[in-house]
Amino acid sequence: MFTYGIDSTDLPITGDWDGDGDDDVGVYRPSNQRFYRQVLSSTQDGNPGDQPIIGDWDSDGVDEIGVYRPSQARFYRQGAPALYFGEFGDQPLTGDWDGGADDIGVDRPSNQTFYLRNNNGSVVTLPYGNPGDTPITGDWDDNGIDTIAVAR
């Protein structure tokens, strides 16, 4: 066990920052909108109220950072175009929904529905979950494609 981060409001993040196939730890510090990654220097990439997102946006095996800006319903991704996606009140998601690069999605608590954007721009809509559930994503069966789940 080890400690990483110094601020009680630090939000934990993980990603393969160096492309070695292993995820490393990091934190996103809301107080200064800065990412701190275990194997890389910090990077400024956010505004107050932003939520951190992580993904391999270009499918090169290295995870990049990004933020979801709830005030604009917009995703800002390092090395990838910014995208408006979703509606105000949505919860951001990232994952490889179609076997390519990671992409974005949202969980809409108002109707318990996931909206997942594929790399070709198409959107998959999946009703799933109950009010109060926390959305999570992962490659649960090691097939190279992420799917949704909820923590209750």
Protein backbone atom coordinates (compact mmCIF):
# COMPACT_ATOMS: atom_id res chain seq x y z
CA MET A 1 0.00 0.00 0.00
CA PHE A 2 1.13 3.56 -0.65
CA THR A 3 -0.25 7.07 -0.48
CA TYR A 4 -0.65 9.28 -3.51
CA GLY A 5 -2.07 12.79 -3.48
CA ILE A 6 -2.07 15.39 -0.75
CA ASP A 7 -5.42 17.12 -0.91
CA SER A 8 -8.47 15.57 0.76
CA THR A 9 -10.54 16.53 -2.29
CA ASP A 10 -8.22 14.72 -4.77
CA LEU A 11 -10.18 12.38 -7.04
CA PRO A 12 -8.46 9.06 -7.83
CA ILE A 13 -7.79 8.18 -11.48
CA THR A 14 -6.01 5.27 -13.14
CA GLY A 15 -4.61 4.75 -16.61
CA ASP A 16 -1.75 3.30 -18.59
CA TRP A 17 0.15 6.60 -18.80
CA ASP A 18 3.32 5.14 -20.32
CA GLY A 19 2.02 2.38 -22.61
CA ASP A 20 3.63 -0.50 -20.70
CA GLY A 21 0.34 -2.41 -20.39
CA ASP A 22 -0.08 -1.71 -16.67
CA ASP A 23 -2.34 0.93 -15.18
CA ASP A 24 -0.77 3.46 -12.86
CA VAL A 25 -2.40 5.72 -10.30
CA GLY A 26 -3.02 9.41 -10.40
CA VAL A 27 -5.30 12.05 -9.00
CA TYR A 28 -7.28 14.97 -10.35
CA ARG A 29 -7.16 17.92 -7.97
CA PRO A 30 -10.35 20.00 -8.33
CA SER A 31 -8.87 22.88 -6.31
CA ASN A 32 -6.40 23.71 -9.10
CA GLN A 33 -7.89 21.69 -11.99
CA ARG A 34 -4.65 19.77 -12.37
CA PHE A 35 -3.93 16.11 -13.07
CA TYR A 36 -1.09 14.37 -11.21
CA ARG A 37 -0.03 11.05 -12.68
CA GLN A 38 2.39 8.67 -10.99
CA VAL A 39 4.79 8.35 -13.93
CA LEU A 40 4.29 11.75 -15.62
CA SER A 41 4.37 15.38 -14.63
CA SER A 42 1.20 17.28 -13.89
CA THR A 43 -0.87 18.78 -16.67
CA GLN A 44 -3.28 21.71 -16.58
CA ASP A 45 -6.51 20.65 -18.23
CA GLY A 46 -9.69 21.81 -16.61
CA ASN A 47 -11.90 24.45 -15.06
CA PRO A 48 -13.68 24.58 -11.72
CA GLY A 49 -16.52 22.04 -11.70
CA ASP A 50 -14.98 19.80 -14.40
CA GLN A 51 -15.05 16.03 -13.94
CA PRO A 52 -11.96 13.98 -14.91
CA ILE A 53 -12.18 11.38 -17.69
CA ILE A 54 -9.54 8.94 -18.91
CA GLY A 55 -9.29 7.06 -22.21
CA ASP A 56 -7.05 5.89 -25.01
CA TRP A 57 -8.57 8.32 -27.53
CA ASP A 58 -6.19 7.41 -30.38
CA SER A 59 -5.86 3.64 -29.75
CA ASP A 60 -2.07 3.80 -29.29
CA GLY A 61 -2.06 1.86 -26.01
CA VAL A 62 -1.49 4.96 -23.86
CA ASP A 63 -4.30 6.52 -21.85
CA GLU A 64 -4.81 10.25 -22.10
CA ILE A 65 -6.57 12.63 -19.76
CA GLY A 66 -9.62 14.74 -20.34
CA VAL A 67 -12.47 16.46 -18.58
CA TYR A 68 -16.23 16.59 -18.88
CA ARG A 69 -17.56 20.10 -18.36
CA PRO A 70 -21.10 19.72 -16.96
CA SER A 71 -21.87 23.43 -17.44
CA GLN A 72 -21.53 22.90 -21.22
CA ALA A 73 -22.33 19.16 -21.55
CA ARG A 74 -18.97 18.99 -23.37
CA PHE A 75 -16.06 16.57 -23.35
CA TYR A 76 -12.49 17.89 -23.67
CA ARG A 77 -9.97 15.13 -24.44
CA GLN A 78 -6.18 15.47 -24.66
CA GLY A 79 -5.14 14.98 -28.29
CA ALA A 80 -8.74 14.59 -29.54
CA PRO A 81 -11.46 16.99 -30.61
CA ALA A 82 -13.77 18.44 -27.98
CA LEU A 83 -17.32 17.13 -28.28
CA TYR A 84 -20.72 18.27 -27.11
CA PHE A 85 -22.56 15.15 -26.00
CA GLY A 86 -25.46 14.54 -23.70
CA GLU A 87 -27.61 16.87 -21.67
CA PHE A 88 -27.22 18.86 -18.49
CA GLY A 89 -27.37 16.50 -15.50
CA ASP A 90 -25.80 13.53 -17.35
CA GLN A 91 -22.91 11.58 -15.80
CA PRO A 92 -19.85 11.13 -18.10
CA LEU A 93 -18.50 7.72 -19.11
CA THR A 94 -15.60 6.54 -21.23
CA GLY A 95 -14.86 3.17 -22.77
CA ASP A 96 -14.11 1.22 -25.91
CA TRP A 97 -17.68 0.41 -26.96
CA ASP A 98 -16.88 -0.95 -30.44
CA GLY A 99 -13.38 -2.45 -30.41
CA GLY A 100 -11.50 0.68 -31.57
CA ALA A 101 -10.27 3.66 -29.60
CA ASP A 102 -11.95 4.71 -26.37
CA ASP A 103 -14.88 7.03 -26.78
CA ILE A 104 -17.41 8.86 -24.65
CA GLY A 105 -20.84 8.22 -23.25
CA VAL A 106 -23.21 9.45 -20.60
CA ASP A 107 -25.59 7.99 -18.07
CA ARG A 108 -28.81 9.97 -17.79
CA PRO A 109 -30.15 9.53 -14.26
CA SER A 110 -33.48 11.14 -15.16
CA ASN A 111 -34.44 8.11 -17.29
CA GLN A 112 -31.87 5.47 -16.20
CA THR A 113 -30.49 5.27 -19.75
CA PHE A 114 -26.93 5.05 -21.07
CA TYR A 115 -25.98 6.83 -24.31
CA LEU A 116 -22.71 5.48 -25.76
CA ARG A 117 -21.01 7.20 -28.72
CA ASN A 118 -19.05 4.88 -31.01
CA ASN A 119 -15.94 5.96 -32.91
CA ASN A 120 -17.96 6.27 -36.13
CA GLY A 121 -20.27 8.79 -34.41
CA SER A 122 -23.25 6.46 -34.01
CA VAL A 123 -24.95 6.34 -30.62
CA VAL A 124 -26.16 3.23 -28.80
CA THR A 125 -28.97 3.75 -26.28
CA LEU A 126 -29.28 1.27 -23.39
CA PRO A 127 -31.92 1.59 -20.67
CA TYR A 128 -30.29 0.18 -17.53
CA GLY A 129 -30.21 0.73 -13.79
CA ASN A 130 -32.31 2.24 -11.04
CA PRO A 131 -32.46 5.71 -9.52
CA GLY A 132 -29.37 6.30 -7.34
CA ASP A 133 -27.16 3.75 -9.12
CA THR A 134 -23.55 4.73 -9.88
CA PRO A 135 -22.53 4.00 -13.49
CA ILE A 136 -19.28 2.11 -14.16
CA THR A 137 -17.67 0.67 -17.27
CA GLY A 138 -15.15 -2.06 -17.93
CA ASP A 139 -14.09 -4.98 -20.09
CA TRP A 140 -15.67 -7.60 -17.84
CA ASP A 141 -15.05 -10.60 -20.14
CA ASP A 142 -11.63 -9.67 -21.61
CA ASN A 143 -12.96 -9.39 -25.18
CA GLY A 144 -11.49 -5.92 -25.80
CA ILE A 145 -14.86 -4.15 -25.63
CA ASP A 146 -16.10 -2.20 -22.62
CA THR A 147 -19.64 -2.57 -21.37
CA ILE A 148 -21.70 -0.78 -18.76
CA ALA A 149 -22.62 -1.76 -15.23
CA VAL A 150 -23.96 -0.05 -12.16
CA ALA A 151 -22.95 -0.08 -8.51
CA ARG A 152 -25.92 -0.14 -6.19
